[in-house]
Amino acid sequence: MVESVITTMSHKTVGHAQSIMTKNKIKSIPVIDGEKNIKGIITSTDMLEDTSENTPVSHVMTKSVYTIPPYSDVSVAARVMRNHHINHIVVADEQKIVGVLSAHDLLQLVEDHRFTMKNQPTPSKKKSKRE
């Protein structure tokens, strides 16, 4: 998980968000309000639409942000990301951002052997009712 999270606000422009992403080599930015509460997330995919650089972030950001608490197991994050077809999940403690976890971060865990897959369940030996 990345703990030093770069954020933006909904009134900032798409051009501003693009420059932050390019400069920091990131693919998403959580959008916060004045009290640092999560209001949305803008990703590089959100900016693929034909939008002007002057368009406010609020017009293209995803407003429903999936979050997990900091004490969650990494498998919970992976499941949420897979089930909802997302590449970034915000780690939050009472709507305050603690970090961001990406699909790339999960792949790094597997590659570094810090996360091991559980064995698949063994097939049932019970005979089905159809037989």
N, C-alpha and C. Protein backbone atom coordinates (compact mmCIF):
# COMPACT_ATOMS: atom_id res chain seq x y z
N MET A 1 0.85 -1.18 0.00
CA MET A 1 0.00 0.00 0.00
C MET A 1 0.89 1.23 0.00
N VAL A 2 0.48 2.21 -0.76
CA VAL A 2 1.17 3.49 -0.77
C VAL A 2 0.55 4.35 0.33
N GLU A 3 1.37 4.80 1.27
CA GLU A 3 0.85 5.57 2.40
C GLU A 3 0.92 7.07 2.19
N SER A 4 1.85 7.55 1.38
CA SER A 4 1.92 8.98 1.11
C SER A 4 1.05 9.26 -0.11
N VAL A 5 -0.23 9.43 0.14
CA VAL A 5 -1.22 9.52 -0.93
C VAL A 5 -1.32 10.94 -1.46
N ILE A 6 -1.23 11.05 -2.76
CA ILE A 6 -1.42 12.33 -3.45
C ILE A 6 -2.91 12.46 -3.71
N THR A 7 -3.49 13.57 -3.33
CA THR A 7 -4.93 13.78 -3.49
C THR A 7 -5.19 15.05 -4.30
N THR A 8 -6.43 15.22 -4.69
CA THR A 8 -6.87 16.45 -5.33
C THR A 8 -8.26 16.78 -4.82
N MET A 9 -8.78 17.92 -5.27
CA MET A 9 -10.12 18.34 -4.86
C MET A 9 -11.01 18.44 -6.10
N SER A 10 -12.31 18.32 -5.89
CA SER A 10 -13.25 18.23 -7.00
C SER A 10 -13.30 19.48 -7.88
N HIS A 11 -12.92 20.63 -7.36
CA HIS A 11 -12.97 21.85 -8.17
C HIS A 11 -11.73 22.03 -9.05
N LYS A 12 -10.70 21.22 -8.83
CA LYS A 12 -9.49 21.28 -9.67
C LYS A 12 -9.84 20.77 -11.07
N THR A 13 -8.98 21.03 -12.04
CA THR A 13 -9.27 20.65 -13.42
C THR A 13 -8.68 19.30 -13.78
N VAL A 14 -9.22 18.73 -14.85
CA VAL A 14 -8.71 17.47 -15.39
C VAL A 14 -7.25 17.65 -15.80
N GLY A 15 -6.92 18.79 -16.37
CA GLY A 15 -5.53 19.07 -16.76
C GLY A 15 -4.60 19.03 -15.57
N HIS A 16 -5.05 19.57 -14.45
CA HIS A 16 -4.27 19.55 -13.21
C HIS A 16 -4.05 18.11 -12.76
N ALA A 17 -5.12 17.31 -12.78
CA ALA A 17 -5.02 15.89 -12.38
C ALA A 17 -4.08 15.13 -13.32
N GLN A 18 -4.17 15.40 -14.62
CA GLN A 18 -3.29 14.73 -15.58
C GLN A 18 -1.83 15.06 -15.31
N SER A 19 -1.55 16.31 -15.01
CA SER A 19 -0.16 16.70 -14.76
C SER A 19 0.38 16.04 -13.48
N ILE A 20 -0.47 15.92 -12.46
CA ILE A 20 -0.06 15.24 -11.22
C ILE A 20 0.25 13.77 -11.51
N MET A 21 -0.64 13.11 -12.28
CA MET A 21 -0.44 11.70 -12.59
C MET A 21 0.84 11.48 -13.40
N THR A 22 1.06 12.34 -14.37
CA THR A 22 2.25 12.21 -15.21
C THR A 22 3.51 12.44 -14.39
N LYS A 23 3.52 13.49 -13.61
CA LYS A 23 4.69 13.85 -12.82
C LYS A 23 5.06 12.75 -11.81
N ASN A 24 4.03 12.15 -11.19
CA ASN A 24 4.26 11.16 -10.13
C ASN A 24 4.16 9.71 -10.61
N LYS A 25 3.90 9.53 -11.91
CA LYS A 25 3.79 8.19 -12.51
C LYS A 25 2.76 7.33 -11.77
N ILE A 26 1.57 7.91 -11.58
CA ILE A 26 0.47 7.20 -10.93
C ILE A 26 -0.73 7.16 -11.86
N LYS A 27 -1.67 6.28 -11.57
CA LYS A 27 -2.83 6.08 -12.44
C LYS A 27 -4.15 6.50 -11.80
N SER A 28 -4.10 6.93 -10.53
CA SER A 28 -5.34 7.38 -9.88
C SER A 28 -5.01 8.40 -8.80
N ILE A 29 -6.02 9.23 -8.52
CA ILE A 29 -5.89 10.23 -7.45
C ILE A 29 -7.21 10.27 -6.68
N PRO A 30 -7.19 10.00 -5.39
CA PRO A 30 -8.41 10.18 -4.59
C PRO A 30 -8.79 11.67 -4.55
N VAL A 31 -10.08 11.91 -4.58
CA VAL A 31 -10.61 13.28 -4.52
C VAL A 31 -11.17 13.49 -3.12
N ILE A 32 -10.75 14.57 -2.47
CA ILE A 32 -11.17 14.84 -1.09
C ILE A 32 -11.84 16.20 -0.99
N ASP A 33 -12.51 16.41 0.15
CA ASP A 33 -13.09 17.73 0.42
C ASP A 33 -12.16 18.49 1.38
N GLY A 34 -12.61 19.63 1.88
CA GLY A 34 -11.79 20.46 2.76
C GLY A 34 -11.41 19.80 4.07
N GLU A 35 -12.20 18.84 4.54
CA GLU A 35 -11.88 18.12 5.77
C GLU A 35 -11.13 16.82 5.50
N LYS A 36 -10.70 16.63 4.28
CA LYS A 36 -9.95 15.45 3.84
C LYS A 36 -10.78 14.17 3.83
N ASN A 37 -12.11 14.31 3.69
CA ASN A 37 -12.99 13.16 3.53
C ASN A 37 -13.01 12.75 2.06
N ILE A 38 -13.13 11.47 1.80
CA ILE A 38 -13.14 10.95 0.43
C ILE A 38 -14.45 11.34 -0.26
N LYS A 39 -14.33 11.93 -1.44
CA LYS A 39 -15.49 12.33 -2.24
C LYS A 39 -15.55 11.59 -3.56
N GLY A 40 -14.43 11.01 -3.98
CA GLY A 40 -14.38 10.30 -5.25
C GLY A 40 -12.97 9.87 -5.56
N ILE A 41 -12.79 9.39 -6.78
CA ILE A 41 -11.47 9.02 -7.27
C ILE A 41 -11.45 9.28 -8.77
N ILE A 42 -10.35 9.81 -9.24
CA ILE A 42 -10.19 10.02 -10.67
C ILE A 42 -9.04 9.14 -11.13
N THR A 43 -9.28 8.41 -12.21
CA THR A 43 -8.28 7.50 -12.73
C THR A 43 -7.93 7.88 -14.16
N SER A 44 -6.86 7.31 -14.66
CA SER A 44 -6.47 7.59 -16.04
C SER A 44 -7.58 7.14 -17.00
N THR A 45 -8.31 6.11 -16.64
CA THR A 45 -9.43 5.65 -17.48
C THR A 45 -10.54 6.70 -17.54
N ASP A 46 -10.80 7.38 -16.42
CA ASP A 46 -11.82 8.43 -16.41
C ASP A 46 -11.49 9.55 -17.39
N MET A 47 -10.22 9.74 -17.64
CA MET A 47 -9.79 10.85 -18.51
C MET A 47 -9.70 10.45 -19.97
N LEU A 48 -10.05 9.20 -20.29
CA LEU A 48 -10.03 8.77 -21.69
C LEU A 48 -11.18 9.39 -22.48
N GLU A 49 -12.23 9.77 -21.78
CA GLU A 49 -13.36 10.41 -22.45
C GLU A 49 -12.90 11.72 -23.06
N ASP A 50 -13.65 12.19 -24.03
CA ASP A 50 -13.30 13.44 -24.70
C ASP A 50 -13.66 14.61 -23.79
N THR A 51 -12.73 14.99 -22.92
CA THR A 51 -12.97 16.10 -22.00
C THR A 51 -11.87 17.15 -22.16
N SER A 52 -12.24 18.36 -21.89
CA SER A 52 -11.28 19.46 -21.96
C SER A 52 -10.39 19.44 -20.72
N GLU A 53 -9.19 19.98 -20.86
CA GLU A 53 -8.29 20.09 -19.71
C GLU A 53 -8.87 21.00 -18.64
N ASN A 54 -9.82 21.86 -19.02
CA ASN A 54 -10.43 22.80 -18.08
C ASN A 54 -11.67 22.24 -17.38
N THR A 55 -12.05 21.02 -17.72
CA THR A 55 -13.21 20.38 -17.10
C THR A 55 -12.91 20.12 -15.63
N PRO A 56 -13.84 20.46 -14.74
CA PRO A 56 -13.61 20.16 -13.32
C PRO A 56 -13.54 18.64 -13.08
N VAL A 57 -12.68 18.25 -12.16
CA VAL A 57 -12.52 16.84 -11.79
C VAL A 57 -13.87 16.24 -11.40
N SER A 58 -14.73 17.02 -10.76
CA SER A 58 -16.03 16.52 -10.30
C SER A 58 -16.90 15.99 -11.43
N HIS A 59 -16.66 16.44 -12.67
CA HIS A 59 -17.47 15.99 -13.80
C HIS A 59 -17.05 14.64 -14.36
N VAL A 60 -15.84 14.20 -14.06
CA VAL A 60 -15.37 12.93 -14.62
C VAL A 60 -14.99 11.89 -13.56
N MET A 61 -14.89 12.30 -12.31
CA MET A 61 -14.46 11.37 -11.26
C MET A 61 -15.53 10.32 -10.98
N THR A 62 -15.10 9.22 -10.44
CA THR A 62 -16.01 8.18 -9.97
C THR A 62 -16.38 8.55 -8.54
N LYS A 63 -17.69 8.68 -8.30
CA LYS A 63 -18.13 9.15 -6.99
C LYS A 63 -18.26 8.03 -5.97
N SER A 64 -18.54 6.82 -6.43
CA SER A 64 -18.66 5.70 -5.49
C SER A 64 -17.29 5.02 -5.39
N VAL A 65 -16.63 5.27 -4.28
CA VAL A 65 -15.27 4.77 -4.07
C VAL A 65 -15.33 3.56 -3.14
N TYR A 66 -14.69 2.49 -3.57
CA TYR A 66 -14.59 1.31 -2.71
C TYR A 66 -13.43 1.51 -1.76
N THR A 67 -13.69 1.27 -0.48
CA THR A 67 -12.65 1.43 0.53
C THR A 67 -12.58 0.18 1.39
N ILE A 68 -11.43 0.01 2.01
CA ILE A 68 -11.25 -1.05 3.01
C ILE A 68 -10.57 -0.42 4.21
N PRO A 69 -10.81 -0.96 5.41
CA PRO A 69 -10.12 -0.44 6.59
C PRO A 69 -8.67 -0.91 6.61
N PRO A 70 -7.81 -0.19 7.32
CA PRO A 70 -6.38 -0.52 7.33
C PRO A 70 -6.05 -1.89 7.91
N TYR A 71 -6.92 -2.45 8.73
CA TYR A 71 -6.66 -3.75 9.35
C TYR A 71 -7.11 -4.93 8.48
N SER A 72 -7.66 -4.65 7.30
CA SER A 72 -8.13 -5.73 6.41
C SER A 72 -6.97 -6.54 5.87
N ASP A 73 -7.24 -7.81 5.64
CA ASP A 73 -6.27 -8.69 5.02
C ASP A 73 -6.16 -8.34 3.54
N VAL A 74 -5.01 -8.55 2.97
CA VAL A 74 -4.78 -8.23 1.57
C VAL A 74 -5.72 -9.02 0.66
N SER A 75 -6.14 -10.20 1.08
CA SER A 75 -7.07 -10.99 0.26
C SER A 75 -8.43 -10.32 0.14
N VAL A 76 -8.83 -9.56 1.15
CA VAL A 76 -10.10 -8.82 1.09
C VAL A 76 -9.99 -7.74 0.02
N ALA A 77 -8.88 -7.02 0.01
CA ALA A 77 -8.67 -5.99 -1.01
C ALA A 77 -8.70 -6.61 -2.41
N ALA A 78 -8.01 -7.73 -2.57
CA ALA A 78 -7.97 -8.40 -3.88
C ALA A 78 -9.36 -8.82 -4.32
N ARG A 79 -10.15 -9.35 -3.39
CA ARG A 79 -11.51 -9.80 -3.72
C ARG A 79 -12.40 -8.63 -4.14
N VAL A 80 -12.34 -7.54 -3.40
CA VAL A 80 -13.15 -6.36 -3.73
C VAL A 80 -12.75 -5.82 -5.10
N MET A 81 -11.45 -5.74 -5.34
CA MET A 81 -10.97 -5.23 -6.62
C MET A 81 -11.40 -6.13 -7.78
N ARG A 82 -11.30 -7.42 -7.59
CA ARG A 82 -11.69 -8.37 -8.65
C ARG A 82 -13.21 -8.34 -8.88
N ASN A 83 -13.97 -8.36 -7.79
CA ASN A 83 -15.43 -8.40 -7.93
C ASN A 83 -16.01 -7.15 -8.56
N HIS A 84 -15.35 -6.01 -8.36
CA HIS A 84 -15.87 -4.75 -8.88
C HIS A 84 -15.09 -4.23 -10.08
N HIS A 85 -14.15 -5.04 -10.57
CA HIS A 85 -13.36 -4.70 -11.76
C HIS A 85 -12.68 -3.34 -11.63
N ILE A 86 -11.99 -3.15 -10.51
CA ILE A 86 -11.27 -1.91 -10.28
C ILE A 86 -9.79 -2.21 -10.07
N ASN A 87 -8.96 -1.23 -10.35
CA ASN A 87 -7.51 -1.41 -10.22
C ASN A 87 -6.91 -0.70 -9.02
N HIS A 88 -7.72 0.09 -8.33
CA HIS A 88 -7.23 0.83 -7.16
C HIS A 88 -8.31 0.79 -6.08
N ILE A 89 -7.87 0.62 -4.85
CA ILE A 89 -8.80 0.67 -3.73
C ILE A 89 -8.19 1.57 -2.66
N VAL A 90 -9.05 2.39 -2.06
CA VAL A 90 -8.59 3.33 -1.05
C VAL A 90 -8.67 2.66 0.32
N VAL A 91 -7.60 2.78 1.08
CA VAL A 91 -7.57 2.30 2.45
C VAL A 91 -7.94 3.50 3.32
N ALA A 92 -9.04 3.36 4.07
CA ALA A 92 -9.55 4.51 4.82
C ALA A 92 -9.92 4.12 6.24
N ASP A 93 -9.73 5.07 7.11
CA ASP A 93 -10.13 4.93 8.50
C ASP A 93 -11.13 6.04 8.80
N GLU A 94 -12.40 5.66 8.89
CA GLU A 94 -13.49 6.62 9.11
C GLU A 94 -13.49 7.73 8.06
N GLN A 95 -13.49 7.35 6.80
CA GLN A 95 -13.53 8.25 5.64
C GLN A 95 -12.29 9.11 5.46
N LYS A 96 -11.26 8.89 6.25
CA LYS A 96 -9.98 9.59 6.09
C LYS A 96 -9.01 8.63 5.39
N ILE A 97 -8.35 9.11 4.37
CA ILE A 97 -7.46 8.27 3.58
C ILE A 97 -6.19 7.92 4.37
N VAL A 98 -5.91 6.63 4.41
CA VAL A 98 -4.70 6.11 5.05
C VAL A 98 -3.70 5.68 3.98
N GLY A 99 -4.22 5.20 2.84
CA GLY A 99 -3.36 4.74 1.76
C GLY A 99 -4.17 4.34 0.55
N VAL A 100 -3.46 3.93 -0.48
CA VAL A 100 -4.08 3.43 -1.70
C VAL A 100 -3.36 2.14 -2.07
N LEU A 101 -4.15 1.15 -2.46
CA LEU A 101 -3.61 -0.14 -2.87
C LEU A 101 -4.01 -0.35 -4.32
N SER A 102 -3.04 -0.71 -5.15
CA SER A 102 -3.31 -0.93 -6.57
C SER A 102 -3.14 -2.40 -6.93
N ALA A 103 -3.64 -2.76 -8.09
CA ALA A 103 -3.45 -4.12 -8.59
C ALA A 103 -1.95 -4.39 -8.75
N HIS A 104 -1.21 -3.39 -9.12
CA HIS A 104 0.25 -3.52 -9.24
C HIS A 104 0.87 -3.89 -7.89
N ASP A 105 0.38 -3.27 -6.80
CA ASP A 105 0.88 -3.59 -5.46
C ASP A 105 0.61 -5.05 -5.11
N LEU A 106 -0.57 -5.55 -5.48
CA LEU A 106 -0.91 -6.94 -5.20
C LEU A 106 -0.01 -7.89 -5.99
N LEU A 107 0.25 -7.55 -7.24
CA LEU A 107 1.15 -8.38 -8.04
C LEU A 107 2.57 -8.39 -7.46
N GLN A 108 2.97 -7.27 -6.93
CA GLN A 108 4.30 -7.18 -6.29
C GLN A 108 4.39 -8.14 -5.10
N LEU A 109 3.30 -8.23 -4.32
CA LEU A 109 3.28 -9.16 -3.18
C LEU A 109 3.46 -10.61 -3.64
N VAL A 110 2.75 -10.96 -4.69
CA VAL A 110 2.85 -12.33 -5.20
C VAL A 110 4.25 -12.58 -5.74
N GLU A 111 4.77 -11.62 -6.49
CA GLU A 111 6.10 -11.77 -7.07
C GLU A 111 7.17 -11.91 -5.99
N ASP A 112 7.03 -11.15 -4.90
CA ASP A 112 8.00 -11.19 -3.81
C ASP A 112 7.76 -12.36 -2.85
N HIS A 113 6.76 -13.18 -3.14
CA HIS A 113 6.42 -14.36 -2.33
C HIS A 113 6.01 -13.99 -0.91
N ARG A 114 5.46 -12.80 -0.75
CA ARG A 114 4.99 -12.41 0.58
C ARG A 114 3.52 -12.77 0.75
N PHE A 115 2.91 -13.23 -0.30
CA PHE A 115 1.52 -13.63 -0.25
C PHE A 115 1.42 -14.93 -1.00
N THR A 116 0.86 -15.94 -0.38
CA THR A 116 0.73 -17.22 -1.05
C THR A 116 -0.73 -17.57 -1.21
N MET A 117 -1.03 -18.16 -2.34
CA MET A 117 -2.40 -18.55 -2.63
C MET A 117 -2.75 -19.80 -1.80
N LYS A 118 -3.98 -19.86 -1.37
CA LYS A 118 -4.46 -21.04 -0.67
C LYS A 118 -4.76 -22.11 -1.70
N ASN A 119 -4.65 -23.36 -1.28
CA ASN A 119 -5.01 -24.45 -2.19
C ASN A 119 -6.50 -24.39 -2.48
N GLN A 120 -6.84 -24.82 -3.68
CA GLN A 120 -8.25 -24.87 -4.03
C GLN A 120 -8.93 -25.94 -3.20
N PRO A 121 -10.23 -25.76 -2.92
CA PRO A 121 -10.92 -26.79 -2.14
C PRO A 121 -10.96 -28.11 -2.92
N THR A 122 -10.88 -29.18 -2.18
CA THR A 122 -10.93 -30.49 -2.83
C THR A 122 -12.37 -30.77 -3.23
N PRO A 123 -12.55 -31.43 -4.37
CA PRO A 123 -13.90 -31.73 -4.82
C PRO A 123 -14.62 -32.66 -3.84
N SER A 124 -15.90 -32.48 -3.74
CA SER A 124 -16.71 -33.31 -2.86
C SER A 124 -16.76 -34.74 -3.39
N LYS A 125 -16.72 -35.69 -2.47
CA LYS A 125 -16.79 -37.10 -2.87
C LYS A 125 -18.21 -37.63 -2.80
N LYS A 126 -19.15 -36.76 -2.39
CA LYS A 126 -20.54 -37.17 -2.33
C LYS A 126 -21.05 -37.37 -3.75
N LYS A 127 -21.90 -38.36 -3.92
CA LYS A 127 -22.51 -38.58 -5.23
C LYS A 127 -23.65 -37.60 -5.39
N SER A 128 -23.76 -37.08 -6.59
CA SER A 128 -24.85 -36.13 -6.84
C SER A 128 -26.16 -36.91 -6.95
N LYS A 129 -27.26 -36.22 -6.75
CA LYS A 129 -28.58 -36.85 -6.80
C LYS A 129 -28.95 -37.27 -8.20
N ARG A 130 -28.29 -36.75 -9.19
CA ARG A 130 -28.60 -37.08 -10.59
C ARG A 130 -28.11 -38.47 -10.97
N GLU A 131 -27.12 -38.99 -10.25
CA GLU A 131 -26.54 -40.28 -10.63
C GLU A 131 -27.40 -41.43 -10.23
